[in-house]
C-alpha atoms as a PDB file:
ATOM      1  CA  MET A   1     -41.479  22.809 -36.160  1.00  0.00           C
ATOM      2  CA  ILE A   2     -40.691  25.281 -38.967  1.00  0.00           C
ATOM      3  CA  THR A   3     -37.372  23.507 -39.511  1.00  0.00           C
ATOM      4  CA  ASN A   4     -39.170  20.132 -39.643  1.00  0.00           C
ATOM      5  CA  THR A   5     -41.608  21.505 -42.232  1.00  0.00           C
ATOM      6  CA  ILE A   6     -38.727  22.741 -44.399  1.00  0.00           C
ATOM      7  CA  TYR A   7     -37.094  19.304 -44.192  1.00  0.00           C
ATOM      8  CA  VAL A   8     -40.390  17.651 -45.197  1.00  0.00           C
ATOM      9  CA  ILE A   9     -40.575  19.894 -48.294  1.00  0.00           C
ATOM     10  CA  ILE A  10     -36.933  19.113 -49.138  1.00  0.00           C
ATOM     11  CA  GLY A  11     -37.638  15.395 -48.631  1.00  0.00           C
ATOM     12  CA  PHE A  12     -40.585  15.339 -51.012  1.00  0.00           C
ATOM     13  CA  TYR A  13     -38.649  17.381 -53.590  1.00  0.00           C
ATOM     14  CA  LEU A  14     -35.824  14.795 -53.495  1.00  0.00           C
ATOM     15  CA  LEU A  15     -38.395  12.000 -53.760  1.00  0.00           C
ATOM     16  CA  ILE A  16     -40.149  13.474 -56.782  1.00  0.00           C
ATOM     17  CA  LYS A  17     -37.003  14.480 -58.681  1.00  0.00           C
ATOM     18  CA  GLY A  18     -35.219  11.263 -57.726  1.00  0.00           C
ATOM     19  CA  ALA A  19     -38.157   9.149 -58.917  1.00  0.00           C
ATOM     20  CA  ASP A  20     -38.335  11.061 -62.201  1.00  0.00           C
ATOM     21  CA  PHE A  21     -34.670  10.369 -63.017  1.00  0.00           C
ATOM     22  CA  PHE A  22     -34.809   6.839 -61.559  1.00  0.00           C
ATOM     23  CA  VAL A  23     -37.654   5.717 -63.840  1.00  0.00           C
ATOM     24  CA  ASP A  24     -35.812   7.012 -66.898  1.00  0.00           C
ATOM     25  CA  ALA A  25     -32.543   5.441 -65.713  1.00  0.00           C
ATOM     26  CA  VAL A  26     -34.187   2.037 -65.136  1.00  0.00           C
ATOM     27  CA  SER A  27     -35.843   2.153 -68.556  1.00  0.00           C
ATOM     28  CA  SER A  28     -32.556   3.185 -70.188  1.00  0.00           C
ATOM     29  CA  THR A  29     -30.608   0.464 -68.341  1.00  0.00           C
ATOM     30  CA  ALA A  30     -33.061  -2.244 -69.435  1.00  0.00           C
ATOM     31  CA  ILE A  31     -32.889  -1.154 -73.079  1.00  0.00           C
ATOM     32  CA  ASN A  32     -29.075  -1.037 -72.981  1.00  0.00           C
ATOM     33  CA  LEU A  33     -28.902  -4.509 -71.406  1.00  0.00           C
ATOM     34  CA  LYS A  34     -31.560  -5.808 -73.817  1.00  0.00           C
ATOM     35  CA  VAL A  35     -33.669  -7.280 -70.993  1.00  0.00           C
ATOM     36  CA  PRO A  36     -37.345  -6.602 -70.202  1.00  0.00           C
ATOM     37  CA  LYS A  37     -37.887  -3.556 -67.991  1.00  0.00           C
ATOM     38  CA  ILE A  38     -39.990  -5.653 -65.650  1.00  0.00           C
ATOM     39  CA  ILE A  39     -36.927  -7.764 -64.742  1.00  0.00           C
ATOM     40  CA  ILE A  40     -35.081  -4.680 -63.499  1.00  0.00           C
ATOM     41  CA  SER A  41     -38.231  -3.531 -61.677  1.00  0.00           C
ATOM     42  CA  LEU A  42     -38.880  -6.923 -60.044  1.00  0.00           C
ATOM     43  CA  SER A  43     -35.376  -7.065 -58.641  1.00  0.00           C
ATOM     44  CA  ILE A  44     -33.158  -3.996 -58.329  1.00  0.00           C
ATOM     45  CA  VAL A  45     -35.932  -1.377 -58.160  1.00  0.00           C
ATOM     46  CA  ALA A  46     -38.136  -3.394 -55.791  1.00  0.00           C
ATOM     47  CA  PHE A  47     -35.336  -4.360 -53.424  1.00  0.00           C
ATOM     48  CA  GLY A  48     -33.899  -0.853 -53.436  1.00  0.00           C
ATOM     49  CA  THR A  49     -37.183   0.820 -52.513  1.00  0.00           C
ATOM     50  CA  SER A  50     -37.747  -1.743 -49.720  1.00  0.00           C
ATOM     51  CA  ALA A  51     -34.679  -0.607 -47.772  1.00  0.00           C
ATOM     52  CA  PRO A  52     -36.711   1.534 -45.284  1.00  0.00           C
ATOM     53  CA  GLU A  53     -39.007  -1.413 -44.451  1.00  0.00           C
ATOM     54  CA  LEU A  54     -36.004  -3.705 -43.878  1.00  0.00           C
ATOM     55  CA  PHE A  55     -34.454  -1.222 -41.453  1.00  0.00           C
ATOM     56  CA  ILE A  56     -37.746  -0.828 -39.540  1.00  0.00           C
ATOM     57  CA  SER A  57     -38.223  -4.615 -39.210  1.00  0.00           C
ATOM     58  CA  PHE A  58     -34.774  -5.194 -37.728  1.00  0.00           C
ATOM     59  CA  GLN A  59     -35.159  -2.229 -35.376  1.00  0.00           C
ATOM     60  CA  GLY A  60     -38.604  -3.465 -34.305  1.00  0.00           C
ATOM     61  CA  LEU A  61     -37.401  -6.971 -33.419  1.00  0.00           C
ATOM     62  CA  ILE A  62     -34.246  -5.719 -31.712  1.00  0.00           C
ATOM     63  CA  ASN A  63     -36.471  -3.479 -29.570  1.00  0.00           C
ATOM     64  CA  GLY A  64     -38.949  -6.326 -28.957  1.00  0.00           C
ATOM     65  CA  ASN A  65     -41.808  -4.569 -30.763  1.00  0.00           C
ATOM     66  CA  ASP A  66     -43.501  -7.346 -32.773  1.00  0.00           C
ATOM     67  CA  ASP A  67     -46.455  -5.159 -33.754  1.00  0.00           C
ATOM     68  CA  VAL A  68     -44.217  -2.653 -35.551  1.00  0.00           C
ATOM     69  CA  VAL A  69     -42.637  -5.478 -37.582  1.00  0.00           C
ATOM     70  CA  LEU A  70     -45.970  -6.927 -38.714  1.00  0.00           C
ATOM     71  CA  ALA A  71     -47.706  -3.560 -39.168  1.00  0.00           C
ATOM     72  CA  ASN A  72     -44.767  -2.512 -41.318  1.00  0.00           C
ATOM     73  CA  VAL A  73     -45.154  -5.474 -43.702  1.00  0.00           C
ATOM     74  CA  ILE A  74     -48.957  -5.740 -43.646  1.00  0.00           C
ATOM     75  CA  GLY A  75     -49.405  -1.991 -44.059  1.00  0.00           C
ATOM     76  CA  SER A  76     -46.810  -1.762 -46.829  1.00  0.00           C
ATOM     77  CA  THR A  77     -48.385  -4.650 -48.763  1.00  0.00           C
ATOM     78  CA  VAL A  78     -51.856  -3.098 -48.631  1.00  0.00           C
ATOM     79  CA  VAL A  79     -50.565   0.401 -49.373  1.00  0.00           C
ATOM     80  CA  ASN A  80     -48.415  -0.769 -52.296  1.00  0.00           C
ATOM     81  CA  THR A  81     -51.218  -2.754 -53.915  1.00  0.00           C
ATOM     82  CA  MET A  82     -54.399  -0.832 -53.169  1.00  0.00           C
ATOM     83  CA  LEU A  83     -53.149   2.740 -52.817  1.00  0.00           C
ATOM     84  CA  VAL A  84     -50.107   2.895 -55.119  1.00  0.00           C
ATOM     85  CA  ILE A  85     -51.463   0.795 -57.995  1.00  0.00           C
ATOM     86  CA  GLY A  86     -54.951   2.198 -57.426  1.00  0.00           C
ATOM     87  CA  ILE A  87     -53.778   5.799 -57.865  1.00  0.00           C
ATOM     88  CA  ALA A  88     -51.472   4.911 -60.778  1.00  0.00           C
ATOM     89  CA  SER A  89     -54.284   3.196 -62.704  1.00  0.00           C
ATOM     90  CA  ILE A  90     -56.611   6.140 -62.069  1.00  0.00           C
ATOM     91  CA  ILE A  91     -53.996   8.440 -63.618  1.00  0.00           C
ATOM     92  CA  LYS A  92     -53.612   6.144 -66.633  1.00  0.00           C
ATOM     93  CA  PRO A  93     -54.932   2.585 -67.241  1.00  0.00           C
ATOM     94  CA  ILE A  94     -52.067   0.137 -66.667  1.00  0.00           C
ATOM     95  CA  HIS A  95     -51.457  -2.429 -69.410  1.00  0.00           C
ATOM     96  CA  ILE A  96     -50.086  -5.761 -68.162  1.00  0.00           C
ATOM     97  CA  LYS A  97     -48.204  -8.350 -70.215  1.00  0.00           C
ATOM     98  CA  SER A  98     -49.124 -12.047 -70.476  1.00  0.00           C
ATOM     99  CA  GLU A  99     -45.895 -13.194 -68.790  1.00  0.00           C
ATOM    100  CA  THR A 100     -46.746 -11.102 -65.734  1.00  0.00           C
ATOM    101  CA  ILE A 101     -50.263 -12.557 -65.535  1.00  0.00           C
ATOM    102  CA  LYS A 102     -49.108 -16.168 -66.049  1.00  0.00           C
ATOM    103  CA  LYS A 103     -46.012 -16.210 -63.826  1.00  0.00           C
ATOM    104  CA  GLN A 104     -45.383 -13.166 -61.649  1.00  0.00           C
ATOM    105  CA  LEU A 105     -48.855 -12.374 -60.337  1.00  0.00           C
ATOM    106  CA  PRO A 106     -49.624 -16.028 -59.351  1.00  0.00           C
ATOM    107  CA  LEU A 107     -46.336 -16.191 -57.401  1.00  0.00           C
ATOM    108  CA  HIS A 108     -47.252 -12.892 -55.738  1.00  0.00           C
ATOM    109  CA  LEU A 109     -50.688 -14.296 -54.870  1.00  0.00           C
ATOM    110  CA  LEU A 110     -49.170 -17.548 -53.514  1.00  0.00           C
ATOM    111  CA  ILE A 111     -46.807 -15.902 -51.027  1.00  0.00           C
ATOM    112  CA  ILE A 112     -49.553 -13.570 -49.788  1.00  0.00           C
ATOM    113  CA  LEU A 113     -51.981 -16.506 -49.454  1.00  0.00           C
ATOM    114  CA  ILE A 114     -49.489 -18.442 -47.304  1.00  0.00           C
ATOM    115  CA  PHE A 115     -48.699 -15.314 -45.302  1.00  0.00           C
ATOM    116  CA  SER A 116     -52.436 -14.807 -44.698  1.00  0.00           C
ATOM    117  CA  ILE A 117     -52.864 -18.407 -43.500  1.00  0.00           C
ATOM    118  CA  VAL A 118     -49.944 -17.939 -41.100  1.00  0.00           C
ATOM    119  CA  LEU A 119     -51.640 -14.828 -39.697  1.00  0.00           C
ATOM    120  CA  LEU A 120     -54.818 -16.867 -39.058  1.00  0.00           C
ATOM    121  CA  ASP A 121     -53.186 -18.949 -36.311  1.00  0.00           C
ATOM    122  CA  ASN A 122     -54.684 -16.901 -33.504  1.00  0.00           C
ATOM    123  CA  THR A 123     -58.132 -17.007 -35.103  1.00  0.00           C
ATOM    124  CA  PHE A 124     -58.410 -20.791 -35.139  1.00  0.00           C
ATOM    125  CA  ASN A 125     -56.242 -21.664 -32.157  1.00  0.00           C
ATOM    126  CA  LYS A 126     -55.995 -19.214 -29.283  1.00  0.00           C
ATOM    127  CA  THR A 127     -52.851 -20.905 -27.964  1.00  0.00           C
ATOM    128  CA  ILE A 128     -50.883 -20.248 -31.161  1.00  0.00           C
ATOM    129  CA  ASN A 129     -50.206 -16.559 -31.672  1.00  0.00           C
ATOM    130  CA  THR A 130     -46.920 -16.453 -33.518  1.00  0.00           C
ATOM    131  CA  ILE A 131     -45.144 -16.499 -36.829  1.00  0.00           C
ATOM    132  CA  SER A 132     -42.567 -19.140 -35.998  1.00  0.00           C
ATOM    133  CA  ARG A 133     -39.085 -19.618 -37.380  1.00  0.00           C
ATOM    134  CA  SER A 134     -40.398 -22.565 -39.463  1.00  0.00           C
ATOM    135  CA  ASP A 135     -43.177 -20.337 -40.902  1.00  0.00           C
ATOM    136  CA  ALA A 136     -40.541 -17.761 -41.804  1.00  0.00           C
ATOM    137  CA  ILE A 137     -38.340 -20.387 -43.458  1.00  0.00           C
ATOM    138  CA  LEU A 138     -41.287 -21.528 -45.621  1.00  0.00           C
ATOM    139  CA  LEU A 139     -41.981 -17.972 -46.788  1.00  0.00           C
ATOM    140  CA  PHE A 140     -38.266 -17.367 -47.266  1.00  0.00           C
ATOM    141  CA  LEU A 141     -38.042 -20.427 -49.556  1.00  0.00           C
ATOM    142  CA  ILE A 142     -40.823 -18.970 -51.725  1.00  0.00           C
ATOM    143  CA  PHE A 143     -38.794 -15.765 -51.862  1.00  0.00           C
ATOM    144  CA  ILE A 144     -35.757 -17.790 -52.998  1.00  0.00           C
ATOM    145  CA  SER A 145     -37.891 -19.406 -55.737  1.00  0.00           C
ATOM    146  CA  PHE A 146     -38.846 -15.878 -56.816  1.00  0.00           C
ATOM    147  CA  ILE A 147     -35.143 -14.963 -57.083  1.00  0.00           C
ATOM    148  CA  HIS A 148     -34.565 -18.149 -59.111  1.00  0.00           C
ATOM    149  CA  TYR A 149     -37.462 -17.217 -61.391  1.00  0.00           C
ATOM    150  CA  ILE A 150     -35.927 -13.773 -62.006  1.00  0.00           C
ATOM    151  CA  TYR A 151     -32.562 -15.369 -62.773  1.00  0.00           C
ATOM    152  CA  THR A 152     -34.124 -17.887 -65.197  1.00  0.00           C
ATOM    153  CA  TYR A 153     -36.282 -15.250 -66.854  1.00  0.00           C
ATOM    154  CA  CYS A 154     -33.248 -12.998 -67.218  1.00  0.00           C
ATOM    155  CA  LYS A 155     -31.240 -15.785 -68.903  1.00  0.00           C
ATOM    156  CA  LYS A 156     -34.054 -16.399 -71.369  1.00  0.00           C
ATOM    157  CA  SER A 157     -34.299 -12.683 -72.064  1.00  0.00           C
ATOM    158  CA  ILE A 158     -30.713 -12.139 -73.190  1.00  0.00           C
ATOM    159  CA  HIS A 159     -30.744 -10.104 -76.413  1.00  0.00           C
ATOM    160  CA  PHE A 160     -34.393  -9.308 -75.740  1.00  0.00           C
ATOM    161  CA  LYS A 161     -35.604  -6.247 -77.605  1.00  0.00           C
ATOM    162  CA  GLU A 162     -38.888  -4.433 -77.128  1.00  0.00           C
ATOM    163  CA  THR A 163     -40.019  -3.286 -80.548  1.00  0.00           C
ATOM    164  CA  SER A 164     -41.971  -0.368 -79.101  1.00  0.00           C
ATOM    165  CA  SER A 165     -39.047   0.944 -77.042  1.00  0.00           C
ATOM    166  CA  ALA A 166     -37.413   4.227 -77.966  1.00  0.00           C
ATOM    167  CA  PRO A 167     -33.599   4.386 -78.009  1.00  0.00           C
ATOM    168  CA  PRO A 168     -32.058   4.557 -74.520  1.00  0.00           C
ATOM    169  CA  ARG A 169     -31.834   8.059 -73.097  1.00  0.00           C
ATOM    170  CA  TRP A 170     -28.289   7.427 -71.803  1.00  0.00           C
ATOM    171  CA  ASN A 171     -25.590   4.810 -72.377  1.00  0.00           C
ATOM    172  CA  LEU A 172     -25.302   1.899 -69.923  1.00  0.00           C
ATOM    173  CA  SER A 173     -22.674   3.325 -67.576  1.00  0.00           C
ATOM    174  CA  LYS A 174     -24.419   6.701 -67.348  1.00  0.00           C
ATOM    175  CA  SER A 175     -27.814   4.999 -66.836  1.00  0.00           C
ATOM    176  CA  ILE A 176     -26.451   2.948 -63.913  1.00  0.00           C
ATOM    177  CA  ILE A 177     -24.762   5.972 -62.303  1.00  0.00           C
ATOM    178  CA  ILE A 178     -27.940   8.052 -62.605  1.00  0.00           C
ATOM    179  CA  ALA A 179     -30.015   5.153 -61.225  1.00  0.00           C
ATOM    180  CA  ILE A 180     -27.730   4.839 -58.182  1.00  0.00           C
ATOM    181  CA  LEU A 181     -27.674   8.596 -57.520  1.00  0.00           C
ATOM    182  CA  SER A 182     -31.457   8.786 -57.971  1.00  0.00           C
ATOM    183  CA  LEU A 183     -32.002   5.896 -55.540  1.00  0.00           C
ATOM    184  CA  ILE A 184     -29.806   7.673 -52.990  1.00  0.00           C
ATOM    185  CA  ALA A 185     -31.897  10.832 -53.469  1.00  0.00           C
ATOM    186  CA  ILE A 186     -35.102   8.788 -53.031  1.00  0.00           C
ATOM    187  CA  SER A 187     -33.737   7.167 -49.858  1.00  0.00           C
ATOM    188  CA  ILE A 188     -32.631  10.486 -48.337  1.00  0.00           C
ATOM    189  CA  GLY A 189     -35.868  12.168 -49.392  1.00  0.00           C
ATOM    190  CA  SER A 190     -37.968   9.380 -47.846  1.00  0.00           C
ATOM    191  CA  ASP A 191     -35.954   9.564 -44.615  1.00  0.00           C
ATOM    192  CA  PHE A 192     -36.305  13.359 -44.430  1.00  0.00           C
ATOM    193  CA  ALA A 193     -40.040  13.273 -45.139  1.00  0.00           C
ATOM    194  CA  VAL A 194     -40.943  10.421 -42.761  1.00  0.00           C
ATOM    195  CA  ASN A 195     -38.767  11.403 -39.790  1.00  0.00           C
ATOM    196  CA  ASN A 196     -39.780  15.039 -39.868  1.00  0.00           C
ATOM    197  CA  CYS A 197     -43.461  14.206 -40.345  1.00  0.00           C
ATOM    198  CA  VAL A 198     -43.210  12.050 -37.204  1.00  0.00           C
ATOM    199  CA  GLN A 199     -41.641  14.968 -35.310  1.00  0.00           C
ATOM    200  CA  ILE A 200     -44.408  17.335 -36.453  1.00  0.00           C
ATOM    201  CA  ALA A 201     -47.103  14.780 -35.520  1.00  0.00           C
ATOM    202  CA  ARG A 202     -45.658  14.363 -32.017  1.00  0.00           C
ATOM    203  CA  TYR A 203     -45.435  18.124 -31.616  1.00  0.00           C
ATOM    204  CA  LEU A 204     -49.154  18.291 -32.486  1.00  0.00           C
ATOM    205  CA  ASN A 205     -49.910  15.449 -30.000  1.00  0.00           C
ATOM    206  CA  ILE A 206     -51.126  13.039 -32.689  1.00  0.00           C
ATOM    207  CA  SER A 207     -51.402   9.457 -31.389  1.00  0.00           C
ATOM    208  CA  GLU A 208     -48.635   6.895 -31.883  1.00  0.00           C
ATOM    209  CA  LYS A 209     -51.127   4.634 -33.666  1.00  0.00           C
ATOM    210  CA  LEU A 210     -51.841   7.237 -36.317  1.00  0.00           C
ATOM    211  CA  ILE A 211     -48.123   8.006 -36.580  1.00  0.00           C
ATOM    212  CA  THR A 212     -47.308   4.330 -37.190  1.00  0.00           C
ATOM    213  CA  MET A 213     -50.159   3.435 -39.555  1.00  0.00           C
ATOM    214  CA  VAL A 214     -50.208   6.636 -41.588  1.00  0.00           C
ATOM    215  CA  ILE A 215     -46.870   8.411 -41.449  1.00  0.00           C
ATOM    216  CA  ILE A 216     -44.434   5.507 -41.079  1.00  0.00           C
ATOM    217  CA  VAL A 217     -46.182   2.828 -43.154  1.00  0.00           C
ATOM    218  CA  ILE A 218     -47.427   5.123 -45.909  1.00  0.00           C
ATOM    219  CA  GLY A 219     -44.264   7.214 -45.602  1.00  0.00           C
ATOM    220  CA  THR A 220     -41.952   4.265 -46.279  1.00  0.00           C
ATOM    221  CA  SER A 221     -44.100   3.434 -49.319  1.00  0.00           C
ATOM    222  CA  THR A 222     -43.720   6.963 -50.668  1.00  0.00           C
ATOM    223  CA  PRO A 223     -40.884   5.935 -53.046  1.00  0.00           C
ATOM    224  CA  GLU A 224     -43.151   3.317 -54.633  1.00  0.00           C
ATOM    225  CA  LEU A 225     -46.047   5.800 -54.832  1.00  0.00           C
ATOM    226  CA  VAL A 226     -44.005   8.601 -56.395  1.00  0.00           C
ATOM    227  CA  MET A 227     -42.356   6.191 -58.848  1.00  0.00           C
ATOM    228  CA  ALA A 228     -45.724   4.672 -59.784  1.00  0.00           C
ATOM    229  CA  ILE A 229     -47.232   8.095 -60.520  1.00  0.00           C
ATOM    230  CA  THR A 230     -44.143   9.109 -62.508  1.00  0.00           C
ATOM    231  CA  SER A 231     -44.135   5.785 -64.389  1.00  0.00           C
ATOM    232  CA  ALA A 232     -47.862   6.046 -65.176  1.00  0.00           C
ATOM    233  CA  LYS A 233     -47.370   9.491 -66.711  1.00  0.00           C
ATOM    234  CA  LYS A 234     -44.479   8.121 -68.805  1.00  0.00           C
ATOM    235  CA  GLU A 235     -46.509   4.947 -69.647  1.00  0.00           C
ATOM    236  CA  GLU A 236     -43.766   2.750 -68.162  1.00  0.00           C
ATOM    237  CA  PHE A 237     -46.281   0.160 -66.978  1.00  0.00           C
ATOM    238  CA  ASP A 238     -43.784  -2.682 -66.483  1.00  0.00           C
ATOM    239  CA  ILE A 239     -41.885  -0.557 -63.988  1.00  0.00           C
ATOM    240  CA  ILE A 240     -45.057   0.034 -61.942  1.00  0.00           C
ATOM    241  CA  ILE A 241     -46.184  -3.596 -61.783  1.00  0.00           C
ATOM    242  CA  GLY A 242     -42.686  -5.058 -61.459  1.00  0.00           C
ATOM    243  CA  ASN A 243     -41.816  -2.716 -58.609  1.00  0.00           C
ATOM    244  CA  ILE A 244     -44.967  -3.515 -56.607  1.00  0.00           C
ATOM    245  CA  ILE A 245     -44.842  -7.296 -57.135  1.00  0.00           C
ATOM    246  CA  GLY A 246     -41.141  -7.392 -56.310  1.00  0.00           C
ATOM    247  CA  THR A 247     -41.510  -5.100 -53.299  1.00  0.00           C
ATOM    248  CA  ASN A 248     -44.391  -7.092 -51.780  1.00  0.00           C
ATOM    249  CA  ILE A 249     -42.611 -10.431 -52.226  1.00  0.00           C
ATOM    250  CA  PHE A 250     -39.387  -8.943 -50.872  1.00  0.00           C
ATOM    251  CA  ASN A 251     -41.211  -7.422 -47.857  1.00  0.00           C
ATOM    252  CA  ILE A 252     -42.877 -10.694 -46.889  1.00  0.00           C
ATOM    253  CA  GLY A 253     -40.178 -13.196 -47.849  1.00  0.00           C
ATOM    254  CA  PHE A 254     -37.120 -11.204 -46.763  1.00  0.00           C
ATOM    255  CA  VAL A 255     -37.949  -8.062 -44.748  1.00  0.00           C
ATOM    256  CA  LEU A 256     -40.271 -10.002 -42.411  1.00  0.00           C
ATOM    257  CA  CYS A 257     -38.734 -13.462 -42.518  1.00  0.00           C
ATOM    258  CA  LEU A 258     -35.004 -12.798 -42.251  1.00  0.00           C
ATOM    259  CA  PRO A 259     -35.294 -11.066 -38.836  1.00  0.00           C
ATOM    260  CA  ILE A 260     -37.588 -13.872 -37.586  1.00  0.00           C
ATOM    261  CA  ILE A 261     -35.162 -16.553 -38.796  1.00  0.00           C
ATOM    262  CA  ILE A 262     -32.355 -14.738 -36.950  1.00  0.00           C
ATOM    263  CA  PHE A 263     -34.136 -13.604 -33.774  1.00  0.00           C
ATOM    264  CA  GLY A 264     -36.987 -16.130 -33.441  1.00  0.00           C
ATOM    265  CA  SER A 265     -40.807 -16.093 -33.603  1.00  0.00           C
ATOM    266  CA  ILE A 266     -43.028 -13.016 -33.234  1.00  0.00           C
ATOM    267  CA  SER A 267     -46.562 -12.584 -31.930  1.00  0.00           C
ATOM    268  CA  THR A 268     -49.524 -12.064 -34.286  1.00  0.00           C
ATOM    269  CA  ILE A 269     -52.109 -11.546 -31.508  1.00  0.00           C
ATOM    270  CA  SER A 270     -52.777  -7.917 -32.487  1.00  0.00           C
ATOM    271  CA  PHE A 271     -53.807  -8.865 -36.016  1.00  0.00           C
ATOM    272  CA  ASN A 272     -57.049 -10.538 -36.986  1.00  0.00           C
ATOM    273  CA  ILE A 273     -59.101 -11.985 -39.820  1.00  0.00           C
ATOM    274  CA  ILE A 274     -59.877  -8.480 -41.134  1.00  0.00           C
ATOM    275  CA  ASP A 275     -56.182  -7.760 -41.665  1.00  0.00           C
ATOM    276  CA  MET A 276     -55.679 -11.159 -43.309  1.00  0.00           C
ATOM    277  CA  SER A 277     -58.714 -10.674 -45.549  1.00  0.00           C
ATOM    278  CA  VAL A 278     -57.598  -7.257 -46.790  1.00  0.00           C
ATOM    279  CA  ILE A 279     -54.096  -8.515 -47.640  1.00  0.00           C
ATOM    280  CA  LEU A 280     -55.592 -11.445 -49.549  1.00  0.00           C
ATOM    281  CA  ILE A 281     -58.196  -9.254 -51.277  1.00  0.00           C
ATOM    282  CA  SER A 282     -55.439  -6.873 -52.392  1.00  0.00           C
ATOM    283  CA  ALA A 283     -53.446  -9.652 -54.086  1.00  0.00           C
ATOM    284  CA  LEU A 284     -56.542 -11.385 -55.473  1.00  0.00           C
ATOM    285  CA  SER A 285     -58.051  -8.198 -56.904  1.00  0.00           C
ATOM    286  CA  LEU A 286     -54.748  -7.287 -58.568  1.00  0.00           C
ATOM    287  CA  TYR A 287     -54.592 -10.739 -60.173  1.00  0.00           C
ATOM    288  CA  LEU A 288     -58.260 -10.939 -61.249  1.00  0.00           C
ATOM    289  CA  PHE A 289     -58.432  -7.369 -62.561  1.00  0.00           C
ATOM    290  CA  SER A 290     -55.234  -7.957 -64.554  1.00  0.00           C
ATOM    291  CA  LYS A 291     -56.316 -11.351 -65.899  1.00  0.00           C
ATOM    292  CA  ASP A 292     -59.698 -10.049 -67.022  1.00  0.00           C
ATOM    293  CA  ASP A 293     -58.485  -7.837 -69.888  1.00  0.00           C
ATOM    294  CA  LYS A 294     -54.708  -7.512 -69.354  1.00  0.00           C
ATOM    295  CA  LYS A 295     -55.043  -4.043 -67.906  1.00  0.00           C
ATOM    296  CA  LEU A 296     -56.077  -2.157 -64.789  1.00  0.00           C
ATOM    297  CA  THR A 297     -58.704   0.431 -65.661  1.00  0.00           C
ATOM    298  CA  LYS A 298     -59.573   3.658 -63.859  1.00  0.00           C
ATOM    299  CA  LYS A 299     -62.732   2.018 -62.509  1.00  0.00           C
ATOM    300  CA  GLU A 300     -60.725  -0.876 -61.065  1.00  0.00           C
ATOM    301  CA  GLY A 301     -58.236   1.609 -59.619  1.00  0.00           C
ATOM    302  CA  LEU A 302     -61.101   3.396 -57.874  1.00  0.00           C
ATOM    303  CA  ILE A 303     -62.316   0.071 -56.429  1.00  0.00           C
ATOM    304  CA  MET A 304     -58.838  -0.692 -55.067  1.00  0.00           C
ATOM    305  CA  LEU A 305     -58.487   2.802 -53.626  1.00  0.00           C
ATOM    306  CA  SER A 306     -61.940   2.525 -52.007  1.00  0.00           C
ATOM    307  CA  ILE A 307     -60.996  -0.762 -50.300  1.00  0.00           C
ATOM    308  CA  PHE A 308     -57.849   0.915 -48.993  1.00  0.00           C
ATOM    309  CA  ILE A 309     -59.850   3.839 -47.566  1.00  0.00           C
ATOM    310  CA  ILE A 310     -62.390   1.490 -45.944  1.00  0.00           C
ATOM    311  CA  TYR A 311     -59.617  -0.591 -44.341  1.00  0.00           C
ATOM    312  CA  TYR A 312     -57.790   2.431 -42.957  1.00  0.00           C
ATOM    313  CA  THR A 313     -61.056   3.873 -41.652  1.00  0.00           C
ATOM    314  CA  TYR A 314     -61.590   0.553 -39.819  1.00  0.00           C
ATOM    315  CA  LEU A 315     -58.076   0.778 -38.344  1.00  0.00           C
ATOM    316  CA  PHE A 316     -58.666   4.295 -37.040  1.00  0.00           C
ATOM    317  CA  LEU A 317     -61.972   3.321 -35.428  1.00  0.00           C
ATOM    318  CA  ASN A 318     -60.605   0.261 -33.619  1.00  0.00           C
END
């Protein structure tokens, strides 16, 4: 157990230091490429930090554990939106650009709305308790449209220059190398922290439910959380929002759907209207709070964090 504790400390150190360098490297890369930082965050950053969730989904379906697959995606979506953004906006109000409100947040809301409707099958029809291959293909197509949007936005943004941006900290090649090395450190740190926390929890006879919902789900979202806190302190708001929007869309459209398309439908019987409602509320509150005054205030962050706490309290009691 002492060894596990040491590994947890090492894991969180790698996470924090890796996130610190990664945020700077992403910002520097975007400035060097003359593209908006949010483009890098929506794509490379988001997909990179979703690697743990992708691994868990494939392992869950291979082992026939549908609940792990869905809990992984549902939990990550709620944690990313309500906990990560909630804490980041409490640290420093997050300013959001018009393009994000007009294009990116509505697409984020759309895929979560459709995902929520799919999860309602067992509420309205007790004989249908699955996310089918056709459901997964529909969500996957929305994910593809998201990739197309990023590509189109990137083409339009060639020679883009943010007037408020400071000069890049490093040149392009050094920025990319540091970003890659930082992402590796984040991945290793996350793996160390999560796996050893699970070992400690089992040693202390903590239930598998608590291990899954708290340690694994929140643990695999630790990279997003640490990066959001780091980005908030550095006022890199595009990196925060881009990472969360991209991660959520990637988790639903790719992490969940690709395994289903390959292996076939999964059961949703363990999830109910409460789970669906919280996912939808998370996306809707992010959109409405952002649209209201183009920023997420500390008060709104506290509301989001409170909803997260209420939902997790409900999970523990049921």
